[in-house]
Amino acid sequence: MDPVVVRSVVAAVGVVVSLLVVYQAYRGYLRNGSRAMRALAVGIALLGTVHFLLLLPGGTSPELDLGLSIVRQLVDIAGLAVVFYALTRA
């Protein structure tokens, strides 16, 4: 099986699972009005959904893969920072 297809299928499954987790965190925010839950939903969206979405266009060229890899790492750092905020400040 083509590695690009496998990578795309795994990324698509990751997006779906991540969206389910984000939805639950957002429901928690709506139920309680907690800023921490809202921040947690945003952090998980960055760490999961956005990260996996950035995997989808990969495999077309080495330059694009390098650029997307850097963007994914920056998104992961931002997501971790938001989760850290949710756990400590919100």
PDB file of N, CA and C in Angstrom:
ATOM      1  N   MET A   1       0.840  -1.178   0.000  1.00  0.00           N
ATOM      2  CA  MET A   1       0.000   0.000   0.000  1.00  0.00           C
ATOM      3  C   MET A   1       0.890   1.248   0.000  1.00  0.00           C
ATOM      4  N   ASP A   2       0.439   2.256  -0.696  1.00  0.00           N
ATOM      5  CA  ASP A   2       1.188   3.505  -0.843  1.00  0.00           C
ATOM      6  C   ASP A   2       1.323   4.209   0.512  1.00  0.00           C
ATOM      7  N   PRO A   3       2.544   4.588   0.910  1.00  0.00           N
ATOM      8  CA  PRO A   3       2.745   5.257   2.206  1.00  0.00           C
ATOM      9  C   PRO A   3       1.968   6.569   2.335  1.00  0.00           C
ATOM     10  N   VAL A   4       1.774   7.282   1.237  1.00  0.00           N
ATOM     11  CA  VAL A   4       1.031   8.541   1.292  1.00  0.00           C
ATOM     12  C   VAL A   4      -0.429   8.268   1.636  1.00  0.00           C
ATOM     13  N   VAL A   5      -0.980   7.199   1.095  1.00  0.00           N
ATOM     14  CA  VAL A   5      -2.370   6.831   1.400  1.00  0.00           C
ATOM     15  C   VAL A   5      -2.490   6.428   2.866  1.00  0.00           C
ATOM     16  N   VAL A   6      -1.553   5.627   3.349  1.00  0.00           N
ATOM     17  CA  VAL A   6      -1.573   5.206   4.749  1.00  0.00           C
ATOM     18  C   VAL A   6      -1.481   6.427   5.664  1.00  0.00           C
ATOM     19  N   ARG A   7      -0.572   7.316   5.346  1.00  0.00           N
ATOM     20  CA  ARG A   7      -0.398   8.541   6.131  1.00  0.00           C
ATOM     21  C   ARG A   7      -1.676   9.368   6.135  1.00  0.00           C
ATOM     22  N   SER A   8      -2.336   9.453   5.003  1.00  0.00           N
ATOM     23  CA  SER A   8      -3.576  10.224   4.901  1.00  0.00           C
ATOM     24  C   SER A   8      -4.706   9.585   5.694  1.00  0.00           C
ATOM     25  N   VAL A   9      -4.803   8.279   5.649  1.00  0.00           N
ATOM     26  CA  VAL A   9      -5.852   7.581   6.406  1.00  0.00           C
ATOM     27  C   VAL A   9      -5.619   7.759   7.907  1.00  0.00           C
ATOM     28  N   VAL A  10      -4.381   7.599   8.343  1.00  0.00           N
ATOM     29  CA  VAL A  10      -4.066   7.783   9.762  1.00  0.00           C
ATOM     30  C   VAL A  10      -4.360   9.221  10.186  1.00  0.00           C
ATOM     31  N   ALA A  11      -4.003  10.186   9.365  1.00  0.00           N
ATOM     32  CA  ALA A  11      -4.279  11.589   9.684  1.00  0.00           C
ATOM     33  C   ALA A  11      -5.779  11.846   9.755  1.00  0.00           C
ATOM     34  N   ALA A  12      -6.546  11.286   8.843  1.00  0.00           N
ATOM     35  CA  ALA A  12      -7.999  11.474   8.851  1.00  0.00           C
ATOM     36  C   ALA A  12      -8.625  10.879  10.107  1.00  0.00           C
ATOM     37  N   VAL A  13      -8.170   9.698  10.513  1.00  0.00           N
ATOM     38  CA  VAL A  13      -8.673   9.096  11.749  1.00  0.00           C
ATOM     39  C   VAL A  13      -8.286   9.963  12.947  1.00  0.00           C
ATOM     40  N   GLY A  14      -7.073  10.486  12.942  1.00  0.00           N
ATOM     41  CA  GLY A  14      -6.631  11.381  14.014  1.00  0.00           C
ATOM     42  C   GLY A  14      -7.484  12.631  14.111  1.00  0.00           C
ATOM     43  N   VAL A  15      -7.862  13.188  12.972  1.00  0.00           N
ATOM     44  CA  VAL A  15      -8.724  14.367  12.964  1.00  0.00           C
ATOM     45  C   VAL A  15     -10.076  14.046  13.587  1.00  0.00           C
ATOM     46  N   VAL A  16     -10.652  12.923  13.210  1.00  0.00           N
ATOM     47  CA  VAL A  16     -11.973  12.545  13.737  1.00  0.00           C
ATOM     48  C   VAL A  16     -11.913  12.337  15.254  1.00  0.00           C
ATOM     49  N   VAL A  17     -10.934  11.591  15.722  1.00  0.00           N
ATOM     50  CA  VAL A  17     -10.812  11.335  17.161  1.00  0.00           C
ATOM     51  C   VAL A  17     -10.556  12.643  17.911  1.00  0.00           C
ATOM     52  N   SER A  18      -9.698  13.477  17.377  1.00  0.00           N
ATOM     53  CA  SER A  18      -9.400  14.758  18.007  1.00  0.00           C
ATOM     54  C   SER A  18     -10.648  15.633  18.092  1.00  0.00           C
ATOM     55  N   LEU A  19     -11.431  15.660  17.028  1.00  0.00           N
ATOM     56  CA  LEU A  19     -12.660  16.454  17.046  1.00  0.00           C
ATOM     57  C   LEU A  19     -13.642  15.948  18.097  1.00  0.00           C
ATOM     58  N   LEU A  20     -13.696  14.644  18.308  1.00  0.00           N
ATOM     59  CA  LEU A  20     -14.559  14.100  19.357  1.00  0.00           C
ATOM     60  C   LEU A  20     -14.122  14.579  20.743  1.00  0.00           C
ATOM     61  N   VAL A  21     -12.814  14.589  20.982  1.00  0.00           N
ATOM     62  CA  VAL A  21     -12.293  15.047  22.271  1.00  0.00           C
ATOM     63  C   VAL A  21     -12.529  16.549  22.438  1.00  0.00           C
ATOM     64  N   VAL A  22     -12.292  17.319  21.385  1.00  0.00           N
ATOM     65  CA  VAL A  22     -12.521  18.767  21.434  1.00  0.00           C
ATOM     66  C   VAL A  22     -13.995  19.051  21.705  1.00  0.00           C
ATOM     67  N   TYR A  23     -14.873  18.306  21.070  1.00  0.00           N
ATOM     68  CA  TYR A  23     -16.313  18.484  21.269  1.00  0.00           C
ATOM     69  C   TYR A  23     -16.689  18.254  22.732  1.00  0.00           C
ATOM     70  N   GLN A  24     -16.143  17.213  23.332  1.00  0.00           N
ATOM     71  CA  GLN A  24     -16.442  16.943  24.733  1.00  0.00           C
ATOM     72  C   GLN A  24     -15.915  18.052  25.643  1.00  0.00           C
ATOM     73  N   ALA A  25     -14.726  18.540  25.376  1.00  0.00           N
ATOM     74  CA  ALA A  25     -14.175  19.638  26.180  1.00  0.00           C
ATOM     75  C   ALA A  25     -15.005  20.906  25.999  1.00  0.00           C
ATOM     76  N   TYR A  26     -15.457  21.157  24.782  1.00  0.00           N
ATOM     77  CA  TYR A  26     -16.288  22.337  24.528  1.00  0.00           C
ATOM     78  C   TYR A  26     -17.641  22.202  25.231  1.00  0.00           C
ATOM     79  N   ARG A  27     -18.207  21.005  25.228  1.00  0.00           N
ATOM     80  CA  ARG A  27     -19.464  20.785  25.968  1.00  0.00           C
ATOM     81  C   ARG A  27     -19.256  21.053  27.456  1.00  0.00           C
ATOM     82  N   GLY A  28     -18.108  20.648  27.986  1.00  0.00           N
ATOM     83  CA  GLY A  28     -17.787  20.934  29.381  1.00  0.00           C
ATOM     84  C   GLY A  28     -17.710  22.423  29.632  1.00  0.00           C
ATOM     85  N   TYR A  29     -17.140  23.143  28.688  1.00  0.00           N
ATOM     86  CA  TYR A  29     -17.089  24.612  28.808  1.00  0.00           C
ATOM     87  C   TYR A  29     -18.493  25.201  28.808  1.00  0.00           C
ATOM     88  N   LEU A  30     -19.339  24.752  27.894  1.00  0.00           N
ATOM     89  CA  LEU A  30     -20.707  25.282  27.837  1.00  0.00           C
ATOM     90  C   LEU A  30     -21.494  24.950  29.098  1.00  0.00           C
ATOM     91  N   ARG A  31     -21.290  23.772  29.634  1.00  0.00           N
ATOM     92  CA  ARG A  31     -22.020  23.333  30.818  1.00  0.00           C
ATOM     93  C   ARG A  31     -21.602  24.117  32.056  1.00  0.00           C
ATOM     94  N   ASN A  32     -20.311  24.398  32.180  1.00  0.00           N
ATOM     95  CA  ASN A  32     -19.790  25.018  33.402  1.00  0.00           C
ATOM     96  C   ASN A  32     -19.339  26.460  33.221  1.00  0.00           C
ATOM     97  N   GLY A  33     -19.197  26.903  31.993  1.00  0.00           N
ATOM     98  CA  GLY A  33     -18.690  28.250  31.751  1.00  0.00           C
ATOM     99  C   GLY A  33     -17.242  28.416  32.187  1.00  0.00           C
ATOM    100  N   SER A  34     -16.500  27.317  32.230  1.00  0.00           N
ATOM    101  CA  SER A  34     -15.130  27.329  32.727  1.00  0.00           C
ATOM    102  C   SER A  34     -14.159  27.766  31.632  1.00  0.00           C
ATOM    103  N   ARG A  35     -13.388  28.812  31.939  1.00  0.00           N
ATOM    104  CA  ARG A  35     -12.357  29.251  30.990  1.00  0.00           C
ATOM    105  C   ARG A  35     -11.309  28.168  30.780  1.00  0.00           C
ATOM    106  N   ALA A  36     -11.065  27.384  31.822  1.00  0.00           N
ATOM    107  CA  ALA A  36     -10.075  26.309  31.707  1.00  0.00           C
ATOM    108  C   ALA A  36     -10.513  25.277  30.668  1.00  0.00           C
ATOM    109  N   MET A  37     -11.785  24.927  30.667  1.00  0.00           N
ATOM    110  CA  MET A  37     -12.279  23.950  29.686  1.00  0.00           C
ATOM    111  C   MET A  37     -12.221  24.519  28.271  1.00  0.00           C
ATOM    112  N   ARG A  38     -12.512  25.800  28.139  1.00  0.00           N
ATOM    113  CA  ARG A  38     -12.423  26.428  26.816  1.00  0.00           C
ATOM    114  C   ARG A  38     -10.977  26.410  26.325  1.00  0.00           C
ATOM    115  N   ALA A  39     -10.052  26.770  27.199  1.00  0.00           N
ATOM    116  CA  ALA A  39      -8.636  26.761  26.823  1.00  0.00           C
ATOM    117  C   ALA A  39      -8.174  25.339  26.526  1.00  0.00           C
ATOM    118  N   LEU A  40      -8.655  24.374  27.299  1.00  0.00           N
ATOM    119  CA  LEU A  40      -8.292  22.986  27.054  1.00  0.00           C
ATOM    120  C   LEU A  40      -8.796  22.532  25.686  1.00  0.00           C
ATOM    121  N   ALA A  41     -10.026  22.919  25.334  1.00  0.00           N
ATOM    122  CA  ALA A  41     -10.575  22.568  24.015  1.00  0.00           C
ATOM    123  C   ALA A  41      -9.719  23.166  22.903  1.00  0.00           C
ATOM    124  N   VAL A  42      -9.296  24.411  23.064  1.00  0.00           N
ATOM    125  CA  VAL A  42      -8.456  25.058  22.044  1.00  0.00           C
ATOM    126  C   VAL A  42      -7.102  24.356  21.957  1.00  0.00           C
ATOM    127  N   GLY A  43      -6.502  24.048  23.090  1.00  0.00           N
ATOM    128  CA  GLY A  43      -5.208  23.368  23.095  1.00  0.00           C
ATOM    129  C   GLY A  43      -5.266  22.004  22.444  1.00  0.00           C
ATOM    130  N   ILE A  44      -6.326  21.249  22.749  1.00  0.00           N
ATOM    131  CA  ILE A  44      -6.470  19.926  22.145  1.00  0.00           C
ATOM    132  C   ILE A  44      -6.733  20.057  20.649  1.00  0.00           C
ATOM    133  N   ALA A  45      -7.485  21.073  20.258  1.00  0.00           N
ATOM    134  CA  ALA A  45      -7.725  21.295  18.825  1.00  0.00           C
ATOM    135  C   ALA A  45      -6.404  21.546  18.098  1.00  0.00           C
ATOM    136  N   LEU A  46      -5.534  22.338  18.716  1.00  0.00           N
ATOM    137  CA  LEU A  46      -4.233  22.603  18.090  1.00  0.00           C
ATOM    138  C   LEU A  46      -3.362  21.343  18.070  1.00  0.00           C
ATOM    139  N   LEU A  47      -3.318  20.643  19.195  1.00  0.00           N
ATOM    140  CA  LEU A  47      -2.461  19.458  19.292  1.00  0.00           C
ATOM    141  C   LEU A  47      -2.969  18.295  18.453  1.00  0.00           C
ATOM    142  N   GLY A  48      -4.248  18.178  18.321  1.00  0.00           N
ATOM    143  CA  GLY A  48      -4.813  17.053  17.592  1.00  0.00           C
ATOM    144  C   GLY A  48      -5.275  17.428  16.207  1.00  0.00           C
ATOM    145  N   THR A  49      -6.362  18.146  16.136  1.00  0.00           N
ATOM    146  CA  THR A  49      -7.011  18.412  14.856  1.00  0.00           C
ATOM    147  C   THR A  49      -6.099  19.135  13.877  1.00  0.00           C
ATOM    148  N   VAL A  50      -5.535  20.252  14.293  1.00  0.00           N
ATOM    149  CA  VAL A  50      -4.694  21.035  13.370  1.00  0.00           C
ATOM    150  C   VAL A  50      -3.439  20.244  13.006  1.00  0.00           C
ATOM    151  N   HIS A  51      -2.845  19.595  13.991  1.00  0.00           N
ATOM    152  CA  HIS A  51      -1.636  18.804  13.724  1.00  0.00           C
ATOM    153  C   HIS A  51      -1.914  17.740  12.660  1.00  0.00           C
ATOM    154  N   PHE A  52      -3.005  16.986  12.840  1.00  0.00           N
ATOM    155  CA  PHE A  52      -3.317  15.931  11.873  1.00  0.00           C
ATOM    156  C   PHE A  52      -3.733  16.498  10.521  1.00  0.00           C
ATOM    157  N   LEU A  53      -4.414  17.629  10.511  1.00  0.00           N
ATOM    158  CA  LEU A  53      -4.762  18.250   9.229  1.00  0.00           C
ATOM    159  C   LEU A  53      -3.512  18.648   8.453  1.00  0.00           C
ATOM    160  N   LEU A  54      -2.475  19.052   9.173  1.00  0.00           N
ATOM    161  CA  LEU A  54      -1.224  19.428   8.512  1.00  0.00           C
ATOM    162  C   LEU A  54      -0.453  18.211   8.007  1.00  0.00           C
ATOM    163  N   LEU A  55      -0.856  17.009   8.412  1.00  0.00           N
ATOM    164  CA  LEU A  55      -0.233  15.796   7.873  1.00  0.00           C
ATOM    165  C   LEU A  55      -0.790  15.440   6.497  1.00  0.00           C
ATOM    166  N   LEU A  56      -1.998  15.867   6.215  1.00  0.00           N
ATOM    167  CA  LEU A  56      -2.667  15.445   4.983  1.00  0.00           C
ATOM    168  C   LEU A  56      -1.936  15.843   3.697  1.00  0.00           C
ATOM    169  N   PRO A  57      -1.454  17.093   3.563  1.00  0.00           N
ATOM    170  CA  PRO A  57      -0.802  17.431   2.284  1.00  0.00           C
ATOM    171  C   PRO A  57       0.633  16.947   2.176  1.00  0.00           C
ATOM    172  N   GLY A  58       1.144  16.242   3.157  1.00  0.00           N
ATOM    173  CA  GLY A  58       2.541  15.807   3.136  1.00  0.00           C
ATOM    174  C   GLY A  58       2.814  14.765   2.068  1.00  0.00           C
ATOM    175  N   GLY A  59       4.069  14.561   1.791  1.00  0.00           N
ATOM    176  CA  GLY A  59       4.492  13.527   0.865  1.00  0.00           C
ATOM    177  C   GLY A  59       4.575  13.960  -0.579  1.00  0.00           C
ATOM    178  N   THR A  60       4.328  15.235  -0.869  1.00  0.00           N
ATOM    179  CA  THR A  60       4.370  15.669  -2.260  1.00  0.00           C
ATOM    180  C   THR A  60       5.751  16.165  -2.662  1.00  0.00           C
ATOM    181  N   SER A  61       6.493  16.738  -1.725  1.00  0.00           N
ATOM    182  CA  SER A  61       7.854  17.167  -2.029  1.00  0.00           C
ATOM    183  C   SER A  61       8.634  17.311  -0.720  1.00  0.00           C
ATOM    184  N   PRO A  62       9.950  17.149  -0.780  1.00  0.00           N
ATOM    185  CA  PRO A  62      10.745  17.292   0.442  1.00  0.00           C
ATOM    186  C   PRO A  62      10.660  18.696   1.045  1.00  0.00           C
ATOM    187  N   GLU A  63      10.601  19.719   0.185  1.00  0.00           N
ATOM    188  CA  GLU A  63      10.529  21.088   0.690  1.00  0.00           C
ATOM    189  C   GLU A  63       9.216  21.321   1.427  1.00  0.00           C
ATOM    190  N   LEU A  64       8.110  20.833   0.862  1.00  0.00           N
ATOM    191  CA  LEU A  64       6.809  20.976   1.509  1.00  0.00           C
ATOM    192  C   LEU A  64       6.787  20.200   2.819  1.00  0.00           C
ATOM    193  N   ASP A  65       7.343  18.992   2.826  1.00  0.00           N
ATOM    194  CA  ASP A  65       7.393  18.190   4.049  1.00  0.00           C
ATOM    195  C   ASP A  65       8.167  18.909   5.150  1.00  0.00           C
ATOM    196  N   LEU A  66       9.289  19.529   4.799  1.00  0.00           N
ATOM    197  CA  LEU A  66      10.084  20.254   5.793  1.00  0.00           C
ATOM    198  C   LEU A  66       9.296  21.445   6.325  1.00  0.00           C
ATOM    199  N   GLY A  67       8.687  22.204   5.443  1.00  0.00           N
ATOM    200  CA  GLY A  67       7.899  23.362   5.867  1.00  0.00           C
ATOM    201  C   GLY A  67       6.730  22.960   6.742  1.00  0.00           C
ATOM    202  N   LEU A  68       6.010  21.911   6.352  1.00  0.00           N
ATOM    203  CA  LEU A  68       4.882  21.444   7.152  1.00  0.00           C
ATOM    204  C   LEU A  68       5.337  20.896   8.496  1.00  0.00           C
ATOM    205  N   SER A  69       6.494  20.259   8.510  1.00  0.00           N
ATOM    206  CA  SER A  69       7.030  19.742   9.764  1.00  0.00           C
ATOM    207  C   SER A  69       7.306  20.874  10.745  1.00  0.00           C
ATOM    208  N   ILE A  70       7.878  21.950  10.259  1.00  0.00           N
ATOM    209  CA  ILE A  70       8.158  23.108  11.110  1.00  0.00           C
ATOM    210  C   ILE A  70       6.851  23.727  11.597  1.00  0.00           C
ATOM    211  N   VAL A  71       5.884  23.875  10.717  1.00  0.00           N
ATOM    212  CA  VAL A  71       4.589  24.447  11.101  1.00  0.00           C
ATOM    213  C   VAL A  71       3.902  23.554  12.132  1.00  0.00           C
ATOM    214  N   ARG A  72       3.937  22.232  11.926  1.00  0.00           N
ATOM    215  CA  ARG A  72       3.333  21.301  12.891  1.00  0.00           C
ATOM    216  C   ARG A  72       3.984  21.444  14.262  1.00  0.00           C
ATOM    217  N   GLN A  73       5.297  21.573  14.278  1.00  0.00           N
ATOM    218  CA  GLN A  73       5.988  21.723  15.565  1.00  0.00           C
ATOM    219  C   GLN A  73       5.597  23.030  16.249  1.00  0.00           C
ATOM    220  N   LEU A  74       5.460  24.100  15.482  1.00  0.00           N
ATOM    221  CA  LEU A  74       5.034  25.374  16.062  1.00  0.00           C
ATOM    222  C   LEU A  74       3.595  25.291  16.589  1.00  0.00           C
ATOM    223  N   VAL A  75       2.733  24.611  15.845  1.00  0.00           N
ATOM    224  CA  VAL A  75       1.351  24.414  16.292  1.00  0.00           C
ATOM    225  C   VAL A  75       1.325  23.575  17.567  1.00  0.00           C
ATOM    226  N   ASP A  76       2.159  22.547  17.632  1.00  0.00           N
ATOM    227  CA  ASP A  76       2.234  21.714  18.837  1.00  0.00           C
ATOM    228  C   ASP A  76       2.692  22.536  20.044  1.00  0.00           C
ATOM    229  N   ILE A  77       3.672  23.384  19.842  1.00  0.00           N
ATOM    230  CA  ILE A  77       4.161  24.234  20.933  1.00  0.00           C
ATOM    231  C   ILE A  77       3.046  25.161  21.398  1.00  0.00           C
ATOM    232  N   ALA A  78       2.334  25.763  20.451  1.00  0.00           N
ATOM    233  CA  ALA A  78       1.218  26.650  20.825  1.00  0.00           C
ATOM    234  C   ALA A  78       0.138  25.861  21.562  1.00  0.00           C
ATOM    235  N   GLY A  79      -0.186  24.670  21.078  1.00  0.00           N
ATOM    236  CA  GLY A  79      -1.187  23.838  21.737  1.00  0.00           C
ATOM    237  C   GLY A  79      -0.785  23.466  23.152  1.00  0.00           C
ATOM    238  N   LEU A  80       0.467  23.095  23.333  1.00  0.00           N
ATOM    239  CA  LEU A  80       0.951  22.765  24.677  1.00  0.00           C
ATOM    240  C   LEU A  80       0.916  23.982  25.590  1.00  0.00           C
ATOM    241  N   ALA A  81       1.239  25.143  25.052  1.00  0.00           N
ATOM    242  CA  ALA A  81       1.190  26.371  25.856  1.00  0.00           C
ATOM    243  C   ALA A  81      -0.242  26.663  26.306  1.00  0.00           C
ATOM    244  N   VAL A  82      -1.214  26.461  25.424  1.00  0.00           N
ATOM    245  CA  VAL A  82      -2.612  26.708  25.782  1.00  0.00           C
ATOM    246  C   VAL A  82      -3.090  25.685  26.808  1.00  0.00           C
ATOM    247  N   VAL A  83      -2.704  24.419  26.647  1.00  0.00           N
ATOM    248  CA  VAL A  83      -3.063  23.405  27.638  1.00  0.00           C
ATOM    249  C   VAL A  83      -2.420  23.736  28.985  1.00  0.00           C
ATOM    250  N   PHE A  84      -1.170  24.159  28.963  1.00  0.00           N
ATOM    251  CA  PHE A  84      -0.487  24.572  30.198  1.00  0.00           C
ATOM    252  C   PHE A  84      -1.252  25.708  30.855  1.00  0.00           C
ATOM    253  N   TYR A  85      -1.671  26.690  30.073  1.00  0.00           N
ATOM    254  CA  TYR A  85      -2.473  27.799  30.608  1.00  0.00           C
ATOM    255  C   TYR A  85      -3.754  27.262  31.230  1.00  0.00           C
ATOM    256  N   ALA A  86      -4.414  26.335  30.534  1.00  0.00           N
ATOM    257  CA  ALA A  86      -5.679  25.782  31.039  1.00  0.00           C
ATOM    258  C   ALA A  86      -5.476  25.090  32.386  1.00  0.00           C
ATOM    259  N   LEU A  87      -4.350  24.431  32.551  1.00  0.00           N
ATOM    260  CA  LEU A  87      -4.116  23.686  33.783  1.00  0.00           C
ATOM    261  C   LEU A  87      -3.593  24.545  34.930  1.00  0.00           C
ATOM    262  N   THR A  88      -3.044  25.700  34.628  1.00  0.00           N
ATOM    263  CA  THR A  88      -2.419  26.491  35.692  1.00  0.00           C
ATOM    264  C   THR A  88      -3.075  27.842  35.953  1.00  0.00           C
ATOM    265  N   ARG A  89      -3.639  28.487  34.949  1.00  0.00           N
ATOM    266  CA  ARG A  89      -4.096  29.861  35.132  1.00  0.00           C
ATOM    267  C   ARG A  89      -5.604  30.054  35.020  1.00  0.00           C
ATOM    268  N   ALA A  90      -6.242  29.279  34.180  1.00  0.00           N
ATOM    269  CA  ALA A  90      -7.650  29.544  33.882  1.00  0.00           C
ATOM    270  C   ALA A  90      -8.569  29.128  35.014  1.00  0.00           C
TER     271      ALA A  90
END
